[in-house]
Amino acid sequence: MIDTQKIKKLDTADVYSSIKQLPHQIEQAMKDVERIAYPEKYRDAENIAISGMGGSIYNYYVISSLFTRELHKPIIAVNGYELPAYMKAKTLFVGSSYSGSTEETIASTTDAIKQNLLVTALTTGGKLGELMKFHDLPFYQFTPHFNPCGQPRVGVGYMIFGAIFILSHLGLLHLDIAAVHSAITTLKNNDARIQEKAYKLKNQMKDTIIIFVGSEHVSGVVHAARNQINETAKAFAQYHLIPELNHHLMEGLTYPKDKKLTFVFYNSHLYHGRNRKRYDVTKKVLDKQGVPYIDVSLEGKNKLEEFLLYLQLSSYLSFFLGIDYGVDPSQIQWVDYFKKELAK
């Protein structure tokens, strides 16, 4: 049973409420982006670049894996200060920073403006918002009504779907809006079940290094899950993707002998048939090497629905694990310390 008293004591910024309001974040982003007026030239973009760090770059990992069949243009991530030399004037550049103060994103966005790219942004404001306003560029500045804790990693409805809706709005991504509404309804209806599942799962993962495994449309989720475990639960986690992990990782599980690992497989009946077979064989390899694993299944009617269910599960999982460790899930003391030292 979920320990509500312990949550009330430790969760000082109400991270729990922010996670629960994911469906409302998505609905708000959908309505907000519809009102943005983009110049016609933005629709003629030949490729897409998203610049961001941490929770603000989840959107790239999700879009590039969830919408492989629906995305009409090539997309890359800019995960630092500088832009690749091959970016040209018809590149749609999206500066993605929840706070608007991410220095790498501000630097790369400034560079994109200088190079006359098709620049837009996704932010609550900050220096990035000021930069966009100064240059009179169209962008999505949102007020996070449904993220009371203010942490980007649980404002995923804004950061992930804000970018998705921008690309859809510009005709660069084919998005079935009816399917989005249906997936949101499914997410709302299954919230209690997802919470219960996450609460049970965290007991099997506690005091181990967690290795998330996913594929295809779930690839972006395991990336986010890794980050959320790091920041929210203050615990070490990593992720790998099938089929790639089958080409190297299995040989790296012999040493050291005293490792404490737990693999967490995010399964799907929608995966390619060969990948489903790979999951079965990978588990046999783990059995033979004495490495424990957990099978997780949250079947949805389609890839988008399944993606959302797994995304919400990961957020709750990181939250409940952090509470179990006795930490305030909103605090990021080492990230804050690092930023202060870097600013000296």
C-alpha atoms as a PDB file:
ATOM      1  CA  MET A   1       0.000   0.000   0.000  1.00  0.00           C
ATOM      2  CA  ILE A   2       1.340   3.457  -0.930  1.00  0.00           C
ATOM      3  CA  ASP A   3       2.723   5.261   2.141  1.00  0.00           C
ATOM      4  CA  THR A   4       0.967   8.622   1.786  1.00  0.00           C
ATOM      5  CA  GLN A   5       2.278   9.912   5.118  1.00  0.00           C
ATOM      6  CA  LYS A   6       5.898   9.361   4.118  1.00  0.00           C
ATOM      7  CA  ILE A   7       5.221  11.041   0.773  1.00  0.00           C
ATOM      8  CA  LYS A   8       3.678  14.057   2.520  1.00  0.00           C
ATOM      9  CA  LYS A   9       6.728  14.336   4.791  1.00  0.00           C
ATOM     10  CA  LEU A  10       9.418  14.049   2.106  1.00  0.00           C
ATOM     11  CA  ASP A  11       7.837  15.494  -1.034  1.00  0.00           C
ATOM     12  CA  THR A  12       8.200  19.170  -0.109  1.00  0.00           C
ATOM     13  CA  ALA A  13       7.622  20.532  -3.648  1.00  0.00           C
ATOM     14  CA  ASP A  14       4.761  18.195  -4.620  1.00  0.00           C
ATOM     15  CA  VAL A  15       6.546  16.192  -7.308  1.00  0.00           C
ATOM     16  CA  TYR A  16       3.818  13.584  -6.924  1.00  0.00           C
ATOM     17  CA  SER A  17       1.146  16.014  -8.123  1.00  0.00           C
ATOM     18  CA  SER A  18       3.271  17.071 -11.103  1.00  0.00           C
ATOM     19  CA  ILE A  19       3.626  13.453 -12.224  1.00  0.00           C
ATOM     20  CA  LYS A  20      -0.098  12.818 -11.841  1.00  0.00           C
ATOM     21  CA  GLN A  21      -0.928  15.832 -14.026  1.00  0.00           C
ATOM     22  CA  LEU A  22       0.929  14.599 -17.113  1.00  0.00           C
ATOM     23  CA  PRO A  23      -2.324  14.279 -19.136  1.00  0.00           C
ATOM     24  CA  HIS A  24      -3.224  17.890 -18.345  1.00  0.00           C
ATOM     25  CA  GLN A  25       0.246  19.082 -19.346  1.00  0.00           C
ATOM     26  CA  ILE A  26      -0.214  17.456 -22.753  1.00  0.00           C
ATOM     27  CA  GLU A  27      -3.681  18.946 -23.202  1.00  0.00           C
ATOM     28  CA  GLN A  28      -2.422  22.411 -22.332  1.00  0.00           C
ATOM     29  CA  ALA A  29       0.520  22.130 -24.747  1.00  0.00           C
ATOM     30  CA  MET A  30      -1.819  21.040 -27.539  1.00  0.00           C
ATOM     31  CA  LYS A  31      -4.050  24.101 -27.096  1.00  0.00           C
ATOM     32  CA  ASP A  32      -1.156  26.511 -26.615  1.00  0.00           C
ATOM     33  CA  VAL A  33       0.801  25.524 -29.716  1.00  0.00           C
ATOM     34  CA  GLU A  34      -2.268  25.840 -31.948  1.00  0.00           C
ATOM     35  CA  ARG A  35      -2.222  29.592 -31.249  1.00  0.00           C
ATOM     36  CA  ILE A  36       1.379  30.174 -32.404  1.00  0.00           C
ATOM     37  CA  ALA A  37       1.667  31.926 -35.785  1.00  0.00           C
ATOM     38  CA  TYR A  38       4.667  30.641 -37.718  1.00  0.00           C
ATOM     39  CA  PRO A  39       5.892  32.240 -40.962  1.00  0.00           C
ATOM     40  CA  GLU A  40       5.261  30.090 -44.026  1.00  0.00           C
ATOM     41  CA  LYS A  41       8.999  29.548 -44.568  1.00  0.00           C
ATOM     42  CA  TYR A  42       9.147  27.450 -41.385  1.00  0.00           C
ATOM     43  CA  ARG A  43       6.990  24.849 -43.121  1.00  0.00           C
ATOM     44  CA  ASP A  44       9.635  24.515 -45.841  1.00  0.00           C
ATOM     45  CA  ALA A  45      12.307  23.259 -43.437  1.00  0.00           C
ATOM     46  CA  GLU A  46      14.476  20.532 -44.928  1.00  0.00           C
ATOM     47  CA  ASN A  47      15.718  19.127 -41.617  1.00  0.00           C
ATOM     48  CA  ILE A  48      15.199  19.568 -37.879  1.00  0.00           C
ATOM     49  CA  ALA A  49      17.586  20.145 -34.984  1.00  0.00           C
ATOM     50  CA  ILE A  50      16.583  20.169 -31.324  1.00  0.00           C
ATOM     51  CA  SER A  51      19.022  21.653 -28.835  1.00  0.00           C
ATOM     52  CA  GLY A  52      18.659  20.809 -25.169  1.00  0.00           C
ATOM     53  CA  MET A  53      20.094  19.126 -22.103  1.00  0.00           C
ATOM     54  CA  GLY A  54      18.710  16.727 -19.483  1.00  0.00           C
ATOM     55  CA  GLY A  55      14.914  16.656 -19.312  1.00  0.00           C
ATOM     56  CA  SER A  56      14.694  19.336 -21.994  1.00  0.00           C
ATOM     57  CA  ILE A  57      16.080  17.029 -24.698  1.00  0.00           C
ATOM     58  CA  TYR A  58      13.720  14.115 -24.014  1.00  0.00           C
ATOM     59  CA  ASN A  59      11.655  15.409 -26.928  1.00  0.00           C
ATOM     60  CA  TYR A  60      14.377  14.562 -29.450  1.00  0.00           C
ATOM     61  CA  TYR A  61      14.747  10.987 -28.189  1.00  0.00           C
ATOM     62  CA  VAL A  62      10.995  10.476 -28.195  1.00  0.00           C
ATOM     63  CA  ILE A  63      10.297  12.020 -31.602  1.00  0.00           C
ATOM     64  CA  SER A  64      13.137  10.179 -33.333  1.00  0.00           C
ATOM     65  CA  SER A  65      12.001   6.783 -32.005  1.00  0.00           C
ATOM     66  CA  LEU A  66       8.216   7.055 -31.591  1.00  0.00           C
ATOM     67  CA  PHE A  67       7.519   8.707 -34.936  1.00  0.00           C
ATOM     68  CA  THR A  68       9.923   6.951 -37.299  1.00  0.00           C
ATOM     69  CA  ARG A  69       7.127   6.493 -39.851  1.00  0.00           C
ATOM     70  CA  GLU A  70       5.432   9.857 -39.297  1.00  0.00           C
ATOM     71  CA  LEU A  71       8.408  12.226 -39.277  1.00  0.00           C
ATOM     72  CA  HIS A  72       8.881  13.730 -42.729  1.00  0.00           C
ATOM     73  CA  LYS A  73      12.329  15.293 -42.255  1.00  0.00           C
ATOM     74  CA  PRO A  74      15.684  14.199 -40.799  1.00  0.00           C
ATOM     75  CA  ILE A  75      16.169  15.149 -37.146  1.00  0.00           C
ATOM     76  CA  ILE A  76      19.300  15.513 -34.997  1.00  0.00           C
ATOM     77  CA  ALA A  77      20.073  16.456 -31.410  1.00  0.00           C
ATOM     78  CA  VAL A  78      22.390  19.310 -30.477  1.00  0.00           C
ATOM     79  CA  ASN A  79      23.677  18.335 -27.054  1.00  0.00           C
ATOM     80  CA  GLY A  80      26.251  21.046 -26.444  1.00  0.00           C
ATOM     81  CA  TYR A  81      27.373  24.588 -27.211  1.00  0.00           C
ATOM     82  CA  GLU A  82      28.120  24.446 -30.942  1.00  0.00           C
ATOM     83  CA  LEU A  83      26.230  23.624 -34.117  1.00  0.00           C
ATOM     84  CA  PRO A  84      27.398  21.126 -36.747  1.00  0.00           C
ATOM     85  CA  ALA A  85      28.877  22.837 -39.812  1.00  0.00           C
ATOM     86  CA  TYR A  86      26.414  21.169 -42.187  1.00  0.00           C
ATOM     87  CA  MET A  87      23.370  23.045 -40.849  1.00  0.00           C
ATOM     88  CA  LYS A  88      21.944  25.322 -43.520  1.00  0.00           C
ATOM     89  CA  ALA A  89      19.360  28.100 -43.727  1.00  0.00           C
ATOM     90  CA  LYS A  90      16.451  25.666 -44.136  1.00  0.00           C
ATOM     91  CA  THR A  91      17.163  23.884 -40.859  1.00  0.00           C
ATOM     92  CA  LEU A  92      14.358  24.210 -38.328  1.00  0.00           C
ATOM     93  CA  PHE A  93      16.211  24.806 -35.066  1.00  0.00           C
ATOM     94  CA  VAL A  94      14.338  24.259 -31.785  1.00  0.00           C
ATOM     95  CA  GLY A  95      15.977  25.643 -28.659  1.00  0.00           C
ATOM     96  CA  SER A  96      14.570  23.484 -25.878  1.00  0.00           C
ATOM     97  CA  SER A  97      15.074  24.591 -22.277  1.00  0.00           C
ATOM     98  CA  TYR A  98      12.407  24.349 -19.590  1.00  0.00           C
ATOM     99  CA  SER A  99      13.947  27.081 -17.449  1.00  0.00           C
ATOM    100  CA  GLY A 100      15.284  29.100 -20.352  1.00  0.00           C
ATOM    101  CA  SER A 101      18.626  29.368 -18.562  1.00  0.00           C
ATOM    102  CA  THR A 102      20.491  26.324 -19.913  1.00  0.00           C
ATOM    103  CA  GLU A 103      23.784  27.804 -21.067  1.00  0.00           C
ATOM    104  CA  GLU A 104      24.487  25.225 -23.772  1.00  0.00           C
ATOM    105  CA  THR A 105      21.061  25.785 -25.323  1.00  0.00           C
ATOM    106  CA  ILE A 106      21.385  29.573 -25.167  1.00  0.00           C
ATOM    107  CA  ALA A 107      24.802  29.375 -26.862  1.00  0.00           C
ATOM    108  CA  SER A 108      23.633  27.079 -29.666  1.00  0.00           C
ATOM    109  CA  THR A 109      20.420  29.074 -30.186  1.00  0.00           C
ATOM    110  CA  THR A 110      22.420  32.288 -30.438  1.00  0.00           C
ATOM    111  CA  ASP A 111      24.615  30.609 -33.043  1.00  0.00           C
ATOM    112  CA  ALA A 112      21.543  29.389 -34.949  1.00  0.00           C
ATOM    113  CA  ILE A 113      20.148  32.932 -35.061  1.00  0.00           C
ATOM    114  CA  LYS A 114      23.466  34.277 -36.368  1.00  0.00           C
ATOM    115  CA  GLN A 115      23.417  31.640 -39.117  1.00  0.00           C
ATOM    116  CA  ASN A 116      19.857  32.624 -40.111  1.00  0.00           C
ATOM    117  CA  LEU A 117      18.346  29.217 -39.420  1.00  0.00           C
ATOM    118  CA  LEU A 118      14.605  28.812 -38.933  1.00  0.00           C
ATOM    119  CA  VAL A 119      14.745  29.316 -35.187  1.00  0.00           C
ATOM    120  CA  THR A 120      12.023  28.611 -32.666  1.00  0.00           C
ATOM    121  CA  ALA A 121      12.081  27.602 -29.014  1.00  0.00           C
ATOM    122  CA  LEU A 122      10.275  25.814 -26.230  1.00  0.00           C
ATOM    123  CA  THR A 123      10.629  27.319 -22.749  1.00  0.00           C
ATOM    124  CA  THR A 124       8.972  28.900 -19.721  1.00  0.00           C
ATOM    125  CA  GLY A 125      10.999  32.061 -20.370  1.00  0.00           C
ATOM    126  CA  GLY A 126      14.402  33.004 -18.926  1.00  0.00           C
ATOM    127  CA  LYS A 127      17.274  34.134 -21.130  1.00  0.00           C
ATOM    128  CA  LEU A 128      16.097  31.917 -23.971  1.00  0.00           C
ATOM    129  CA  GLY A 129      12.688  33.598 -23.969  1.00  0.00           C
ATOM    130  CA  GLU A 130      14.333  37.030 -23.900  1.00  0.00           C
ATOM    131  CA  LEU A 131      16.561  36.051 -26.827  1.00  0.00           C
ATOM    132  CA  MET A 132      13.590  34.961 -28.903  1.00  0.00           C
ATOM    133  CA  LYS A 133      11.641  38.132 -28.121  1.00  0.00           C
ATOM    134  CA  PHE A 134      14.613  40.383 -28.875  1.00  0.00           C
ATOM    135  CA  HIS A 135      14.926  38.854 -32.356  1.00  0.00           C
ATOM    136  CA  ASP A 136      11.146  38.756 -32.845  1.00  0.00           C
ATOM    137  CA  LEU A 137      11.114  35.010 -33.468  1.00  0.00           C
ATOM    138  CA  PRO A 138       8.079  32.724 -33.019  1.00  0.00           C
ATOM    139  CA  PHE A 139       8.319  30.326 -30.082  1.00  0.00           C
ATOM    140  CA  TYR A 140       6.326  28.451 -27.457  1.00  0.00           C
ATOM    141  CA  GLN A 141       6.580  30.091 -24.037  1.00  0.00           C
ATOM    142  CA  PHE A 142       4.346  28.190 -21.659  1.00  0.00           C
ATOM    143  CA  THR A 143       3.094  28.746 -18.151  1.00  0.00           C
ATOM    144  CA  PRO A 144       3.411  25.359 -16.391  1.00  0.00           C
ATOM    145  CA  HIS A 145       0.051  25.350 -14.617  1.00  0.00           C
ATOM    146  CA  PHE A 146       0.228  21.571 -14.184  1.00  0.00           C
ATOM    147  CA  ASN A 147       3.797  21.227 -12.895  1.00  0.00           C
ATOM    148  CA  PRO A 148       3.681  22.657  -9.356  1.00  0.00           C
ATOM    149  CA  CYS A 149       7.116  21.311  -8.410  1.00  0.00           C
ATOM    150  CA  GLY A 150       8.764  23.185 -11.302  1.00  0.00           C
ATOM    151  CA  GLN A 151      11.249  20.432 -12.169  1.00  0.00           C
ATOM    152  CA  PRO A 152      11.773  19.928 -15.947  1.00  0.00           C
ATOM    153  CA  ARG A 153      11.995  16.135 -15.623  1.00  0.00           C
ATOM    154  CA  VAL A 154       8.348  15.991 -14.501  1.00  0.00           C
ATOM    155  CA  GLY A 155       7.197  18.677 -16.902  1.00  0.00           C
ATOM    156  CA  VAL A 156       7.522  16.098 -19.669  1.00  0.00           C
ATOM    157  CA  GLY A 157       4.072  16.797 -21.031  1.00  0.00           C
ATOM    158  CA  TYR A 158       5.204  20.301 -21.922  1.00  0.00           C
ATOM    159  CA  MET A 159       8.731  19.535 -23.099  1.00  0.00           C
ATOM    160  CA  ILE A 160       8.036  16.367 -25.079  1.00  0.00           C
ATOM    161  CA  PHE A 161       4.640  17.200 -26.502  1.00  0.00           C
ATOM    162  CA  GLY A 162       5.354  20.878 -26.943  1.00  0.00           C
ATOM    163  CA  ALA A 163       7.993  19.901 -29.501  1.00  0.00           C
ATOM    164  CA  ILE A 164       5.737  17.232 -31.039  1.00  0.00           C
ATOM    165  CA  PHE A 165       2.895  19.716 -31.496  1.00  0.00           C
ATOM    166  CA  ILE A 166       5.240  22.343 -32.976  1.00  0.00           C
ATOM    167  CA  LEU A 167       6.428  19.896 -35.631  1.00  0.00           C
ATOM    168  CA  SER A 168       2.858  18.769 -36.291  1.00  0.00           C
ATOM    169  CA  HIS A 169       1.687  22.380 -36.492  1.00  0.00           C
ATOM    170  CA  LEU A 170       4.341  23.030 -39.158  1.00  0.00           C
ATOM    171  CA  GLY A 171       3.403  19.937 -41.170  1.00  0.00           C
ATOM    172  CA  LEU A 172       6.766  18.269 -40.513  1.00  0.00           C
ATOM    173  CA  LEU A 173       5.272  15.433 -38.486  1.00  0.00           C
ATOM    174  CA  HIS A 174       2.045  13.575 -39.206  1.00  0.00           C
ATOM    175  CA  LEU A 175       0.154  13.355 -35.929  1.00  0.00           C
ATOM    176  CA  ASP A 176      -3.184  11.643 -35.442  1.00  0.00           C
ATOM    177  CA  ILE A 177      -4.870  14.081 -33.021  1.00  0.00           C
ATOM    178  CA  ALA A 178      -7.748  11.681 -32.367  1.00  0.00           C
ATOM    179  CA  ALA A 179      -5.198   9.072 -31.296  1.00  0.00           C
ATOM    180  CA  VAL A 180      -3.570  11.616 -28.978  1.00  0.00           C
ATOM    181  CA  HIS A 181      -6.886  12.351 -27.275  1.00  0.00           C
ATOM    182  CA  SER A 182      -7.594   8.634 -26.956  1.00  0.00           C
ATOM    183  CA  ALA A 183      -4.155   7.962 -25.466  1.00  0.00           C
ATOM    184  CA  ILE A 184      -4.641  10.768 -22.931  1.00  0.00           C
ATOM    185  CA  THR A 185      -7.973   9.267 -21.874  1.00  0.00           C
ATOM    186  CA  THR A 186      -6.340   5.844 -21.468  1.00  0.00           C
ATOM    187  CA  LEU A 187      -3.587   7.425 -19.368  1.00  0.00           C
ATOM    188  CA  LYS A 188      -6.129   9.091 -17.061  1.00  0.00           C
ATOM    189  CA  ASN A 189      -8.156   5.900 -16.694  1.00  0.00           C
ATOM    190  CA  ASN A 190      -5.097   3.819 -15.815  1.00  0.00           C
ATOM    191  CA  ASP A 191      -3.385   6.172 -13.360  1.00  0.00           C
ATOM    192  CA  ALA A 192      -4.199   4.146 -10.240  1.00  0.00           C
ATOM    193  CA  ARG A 193      -3.067   0.902 -11.900  1.00  0.00           C
ATOM    194  CA  ILE A 194       0.210   2.462 -13.052  1.00  0.00           C
ATOM    195  CA  GLN A 195       0.915   3.831  -9.575  1.00  0.00           C
ATOM    196  CA  GLU A 196       0.283   0.451  -7.992  1.00  0.00           C
ATOM    197  CA  LYS A 197       2.566  -1.266 -10.491  1.00  0.00           C
ATOM    198  CA  ALA A 198       5.350   1.276  -9.981  1.00  0.00           C
ATOM    199  CA  TYR A 199       5.085   0.965  -6.196  1.00  0.00           C
ATOM    200  CA  LYS A 200       5.547  -2.808  -6.375  1.00  0.00           C
ATOM    201  CA  LEU A 201       8.355  -2.625  -8.915  1.00  0.00           C
ATOM    202  CA  LYS A 202      10.506  -0.295  -6.823  1.00  0.00           C
ATOM    203  CA  ASN A 203      10.790  -2.995  -4.134  1.00  0.00           C
ATOM    204  CA  GLN A 204      12.483  -5.288  -6.656  1.00  0.00           C
ATOM    205  CA  MET A 205      14.951  -2.615  -7.741  1.00  0.00           C
ATOM    206  CA  LYS A 206      15.989  -1.068  -4.444  1.00  0.00           C
ATOM    207  CA  ASP A 207      19.704  -1.193  -3.589  1.00  0.00           C
ATOM    208  CA  THR A 208      20.713  -2.328  -7.073  1.00  0.00           C
ATOM    209  CA  ILE A 209      22.021  -0.631 -10.203  1.00  0.00           C
ATOM    210  CA  ILE A 210      19.106  -0.474 -12.615  1.00  0.00           C
ATOM    211  CA  ILE A 211      19.538  -1.205 -16.315  1.00  0.00           C
ATOM    212  CA  PHE A 212      16.456  -0.283 -18.342  1.00  0.00           C
ATOM    213  CA  VAL A 213      15.996  -2.083 -21.659  1.00  0.00           C
ATOM    214  CA  GLY A 214      13.653  -0.942 -24.392  1.00  0.00           C
ATOM    215  CA  SER A 215      13.267  -0.782 -28.165  1.00  0.00           C
ATOM    216  CA  GLU A 216      11.680   1.125 -31.004  1.00  0.00           C
ATOM    217  CA  HIS A 217       8.828   3.388 -29.792  1.00  0.00           C
ATOM    218  CA  VAL A 218       9.829   2.845 -26.141  1.00  0.00           C
ATOM    219  CA  SER A 219      13.449   3.940 -26.709  1.00  0.00           C
ATOM    220  CA  GLY A 220      12.761   7.516 -25.640  1.00  0.00           C
ATOM    221  CA  VAL A 221      11.073   6.294 -22.459  1.00  0.00           C
ATOM    222  CA  VAL A 222      14.061   4.325 -21.190  1.00  0.00           C
ATOM    223  CA  HIS A 223      16.278   7.350 -21.820  1.00  0.00           C
ATOM    224  CA  ALA A 224      13.933   9.442 -19.667  1.00  0.00           C
ATOM    225  CA  ALA A 225      13.627   6.656 -17.063  1.00  0.00           C
ATOM    226  CA  ARG A 226      17.405   6.588 -16.632  1.00  0.00           C
ATOM    227  CA  ASN A 227      17.511  10.342 -16.026  1.00  0.00           C
ATOM    228  CA  GLN A 228      14.544  10.289 -13.661  1.00  0.00           C
ATOM    229  CA  ILE A 229      16.044   7.548 -11.503  1.00  0.00           C
ATOM    230  CA  ASN A 230      19.270   9.577 -11.331  1.00  0.00           C
ATOM    231  CA  GLU A 231      17.615  12.873 -10.400  1.00  0.00           C
ATOM    232  CA  THR A 232      14.426  11.939  -8.599  1.00  0.00           C
ATOM    233  CA  ALA A 233      15.494   8.757  -6.772  1.00  0.00           C
ATOM    234  CA  LYS A 234      19.173   9.866  -6.450  1.00  0.00           C
ATOM    235  CA  ALA A 235      20.118   6.379  -7.617  1.00  0.00           C
ATOM    236  CA  PHE A 236      22.341   5.001 -10.356  1.00  0.00           C
ATOM    237  CA  ALA A 237      20.635   3.733 -13.489  1.00  0.00           C
ATOM    238  CA  GLN A 238      21.521   3.202 -17.128  1.00  0.00           C
ATOM    239  CA  TYR A 239      19.684   2.125 -20.236  1.00  0.00           C
ATOM    240  CA  HIS A 240      20.379   0.045 -23.334  1.00  0.00           C
ATOM    241  CA  LEU A 241      18.389  -0.653 -26.463  1.00  0.00           C
ATOM    242  CA  ILE A 242      17.649  -3.945 -28.177  1.00  0.00           C
ATOM    243  CA  PRO A 243      18.934  -4.913 -30.721  1.00  0.00           C
ATOM    244  CA  GLU A 244      22.106  -2.849 -30.114  1.00  0.00           C
ATOM    245  CA  LEU A 245      22.872  -4.316 -26.681  1.00  0.00           C
ATOM    246  CA  ASN A 246      22.959  -7.824 -28.177  1.00  0.00           C
ATOM    247  CA  HIS A 247      26.070  -6.844 -30.088  1.00  0.00           C
ATOM    248  CA  HIS A 248      28.231  -5.990 -27.064  1.00  0.00           C
ATOM    249  CA  LEU A 249      26.651  -5.758 -23.601  1.00  0.00           C
ATOM    250  CA  MET A 250      26.098  -9.470 -22.930  1.00  0.00           C
ATOM    251  CA  GLU A 251      29.863 -10.090 -22.977  1.00  0.00           C
ATOM    252  CA  GLY A 252      30.351  -7.423 -20.315  1.00  0.00           C
ATOM    253  CA  LEU A 253      28.357  -9.095 -17.558  1.00  0.00           C
ATOM    254  CA  THR A 254      30.969 -11.533 -16.238  1.00  0.00           C
ATOM    255  CA  TYR A 255      33.063  -9.147 -14.147  1.00  0.00           C
ATOM    256  CA  PRO A 256      33.202  -7.861 -11.506  1.00  0.00           C
ATOM    257  CA  LYS A 257      31.678 -10.822  -9.711  1.00  0.00           C
ATOM    258  CA  ASP A 258      30.129  -8.742  -6.906  1.00  0.00           C
ATOM    259  CA  LYS A 259      28.014  -6.513  -9.147  1.00  0.00           C
ATOM    260  CA  LYS A 260      24.447  -5.754  -8.063  1.00  0.00           C
ATOM    261  CA  LEU A 261      22.459  -5.260 -11.225  1.00  0.00           C
ATOM    262  CA  THR A 262      18.770  -5.473 -12.031  1.00  0.00           C
ATOM    263  CA  PHE A 263      17.708  -5.397 -15.681  1.00  0.00           C
ATOM    264  CA  VAL A 264      14.255  -3.949 -16.287  1.00  0.00           C
ATOM    265  CA  PHE A 265      12.726  -4.997 -19.606  1.00  0.00           C
ATOM    266  CA  TYR A 266       9.990  -2.770 -21.023  1.00  0.00           C
ATOM    267  CA  ASN A 267       8.211  -5.311 -23.212  1.00  0.00           C
ATOM    268  CA  SER A 268       5.807  -4.669 -26.075  1.00  0.00           C
ATOM    269  CA  HIS A 269       3.691  -6.811 -28.351  1.00  0.00           C
ATOM    270  CA  LEU A 270       4.169  -4.032 -30.910  1.00  0.00           C
ATOM    271  CA  TYR A 271       7.917  -4.563 -31.260  1.00  0.00           C
ATOM    272  CA  HIS A 272       9.291  -6.050 -34.489  1.00  0.00           C
ATOM    273  CA  GLY A 273       9.047  -9.839 -34.372  1.00  0.00           C
ATOM    274  CA  ARG A 274      12.817 -10.293 -34.423  1.00  0.00           C
ATOM    275  CA  ASN A 275      13.203  -7.883 -31.511  1.00  0.00           C
ATOM    276  CA  ARG A 276      10.612  -9.807 -29.468  1.00  0.00           C
ATOM    277  CA  LYS A 277      12.688 -12.928 -30.092  1.00  0.00           C
ATOM    278  CA  ARG A 278      15.806 -11.041 -29.007  1.00  0.00           C
ATOM    279  CA  TYR A 279      14.163 -10.186 -25.673  1.00  0.00           C
ATOM    280  CA  ASP A 280      13.530 -13.873 -25.000  1.00  0.00           C
ATOM    281  CA  VAL A 281      17.088 -14.908 -25.834  1.00  0.00           C
ATOM    282  CA  THR A 282      18.619 -11.983 -23.927  1.00  0.00           C
ATOM    283  CA  LYS A 283      16.799 -13.113 -20.782  1.00  0.00           C
ATOM    284  CA  LYS A 284      18.212 -16.625 -21.253  1.00  0.00           C
ATOM    285  CA  VAL A 285      21.699 -15.113 -21.369  1.00  0.00           C
ATOM    286  CA  LEU A 286      21.033 -13.235 -18.126  1.00  0.00           C
ATOM    287  CA  ASP A 287      19.729 -16.413 -16.489  1.00  0.00           C
ATOM    288  CA  LYS A 288      22.905 -18.257 -17.447  1.00  0.00           C
ATOM    289  CA  GLN A 289      25.058 -15.462 -16.005  1.00  0.00           C
ATOM    290  CA  GLY A 290      23.024 -15.155 -12.806  1.00  0.00           C
ATOM    291  CA  VAL A 291      21.911 -11.581 -13.483  1.00  0.00           C
ATOM    292  CA  PRO A 292      18.402 -10.785 -12.161  1.00  0.00           C
ATOM    293  CA  TYR A 293      15.829  -9.074 -14.322  1.00  0.00           C
ATOM    294  CA  ILE A 294      12.254  -7.832 -14.163  1.00  0.00           C
ATOM    295  CA  ASP A 295       9.702  -8.126 -16.960  1.00  0.00           C
ATOM    296  CA  VAL A 296       7.357  -5.166 -17.311  1.00  0.00           C
ATOM    297  CA  SER A 297       4.377  -5.184 -19.652  1.00  0.00           C
ATOM    298  CA  LEU A 298       1.933  -2.319 -20.246  1.00  0.00           C
ATOM    299  CA  GLU A 299       0.145  -3.142 -23.443  1.00  0.00           C
ATOM    300  CA  GLY A 300      -1.520  -0.321 -25.322  1.00  0.00           C
ATOM    301  CA  LYS A 301      -3.714  -0.240 -28.418  1.00  0.00           C
ATOM    302  CA  ASN A 302      -1.005   1.572 -30.366  1.00  0.00           C
ATOM    303  CA  LYS A 303       2.555   2.850 -30.010  1.00  0.00           C
ATOM    304  CA  LEU A 304       1.590   6.284 -28.728  1.00  0.00           C
ATOM    305  CA  GLU A 305      -0.648   4.867 -26.020  1.00  0.00           C
ATOM    306  CA  GLU A 306       1.986   2.388 -24.952  1.00  0.00           C
ATOM    307  CA  PHE A 307       4.647   5.090 -24.924  1.00  0.00           C
ATOM    308  CA  LEU A 308       2.564   7.248 -22.584  1.00  0.00           C
ATOM    309  CA  LEU A 309       1.821   4.388 -20.197  1.00  0.00           C
ATOM    310  CA  TYR A 310       5.511   3.535 -19.904  1.00  0.00           C
ATOM    311  CA  LEU A 311       6.477   7.189 -19.534  1.00  0.00           C
ATOM    312  CA  GLN A 312       4.090   7.634 -16.621  1.00  0.00           C
ATOM    313  CA  LEU A 313       5.196   4.365 -15.046  1.00  0.00           C
ATOM    314  CA  SER A 314       8.825   5.526 -15.156  1.00  0.00           C
ATOM    315  CA  SER A 315       7.997   8.831 -13.476  1.00  0.00           C
ATOM    316  CA  TYR A 316       6.098   7.150 -10.657  1.00  0.00           C
ATOM    317  CA  LEU A 317       8.774   4.478 -10.309  1.00  0.00           C
ATOM    318  CA  SER A 318      11.547   7.039  -9.818  1.00  0.00           C
ATOM    319  CA  PHE A 319       9.379   8.954  -7.360  1.00  0.00           C
ATOM    320  CA  PHE A 320       8.429   5.970  -5.197  1.00  0.00           C
ATOM    321  CA  LEU A 321      12.002   4.658  -5.193  1.00  0.00           C
ATOM    322  CA  GLY A 322      13.252   8.039  -4.009  1.00  0.00           C
ATOM    323  CA  ILE A 323      10.670   8.125  -1.234  1.00  0.00           C
ATOM    324  CA  ASP A 324      11.727   4.603  -0.229  1.00  0.00           C
ATOM    325  CA  TYR A 325      15.332   5.820   0.012  1.00  0.00           C
ATOM    326  CA  GLY A 326      14.117   8.611   2.285  1.00  0.00           C
ATOM    327  CA  VAL A 327      15.016  11.520   0.008  1.00  0.00           C
ATOM    328  CA  ASP A 328      13.158  14.624  -1.105  1.00  0.00           C
ATOM    329  CA  PRO A 329      12.568  13.860  -4.804  1.00  0.00           C
ATOM    330  CA  SER A 330      12.539  17.549  -5.769  1.00  0.00           C
ATOM    331  CA  GLN A 331      16.038  18.347  -4.509  1.00  0.00           C
ATOM    332  CA  ILE A 332      19.036  18.121  -6.862  1.00  0.00           C
ATOM    333  CA  GLN A 333      21.833  19.190  -4.533  1.00  0.00           C
ATOM    334  CA  TRP A 334      24.748  18.009  -6.684  1.00  0.00           C
ATOM    335  CA  VAL A 335      23.425  19.562  -9.882  1.00  0.00           C
ATOM    336  CA  ASP A 336      22.864  22.812  -7.977  1.00  0.00           C
ATOM    337  CA  TYR A 337      26.348  22.610  -6.432  1.00  0.00           C
ATOM    338  CA  PHE A 338      27.889  21.963  -9.830  1.00  0.00           C
ATOM    339  CA  LYS A 339      26.158  24.969 -11.384  1.00  0.00           C
ATOM    340  CA  LYS A 340      27.354  27.252  -8.577  1.00  0.00           C
ATOM    341  CA  GLU A 341      30.944  26.049  -8.961  1.00  0.00           C
ATOM    342  CA  LEU A 342      30.780  26.420 -12.736  1.00  0.00           C
ATOM    343  CA  ALA A 343      29.545  29.984 -12.387  1.00  0.00           C
ATOM    344  CA  LYS A 344      32.588  31.058 -10.328  1.00  0.00           C
END
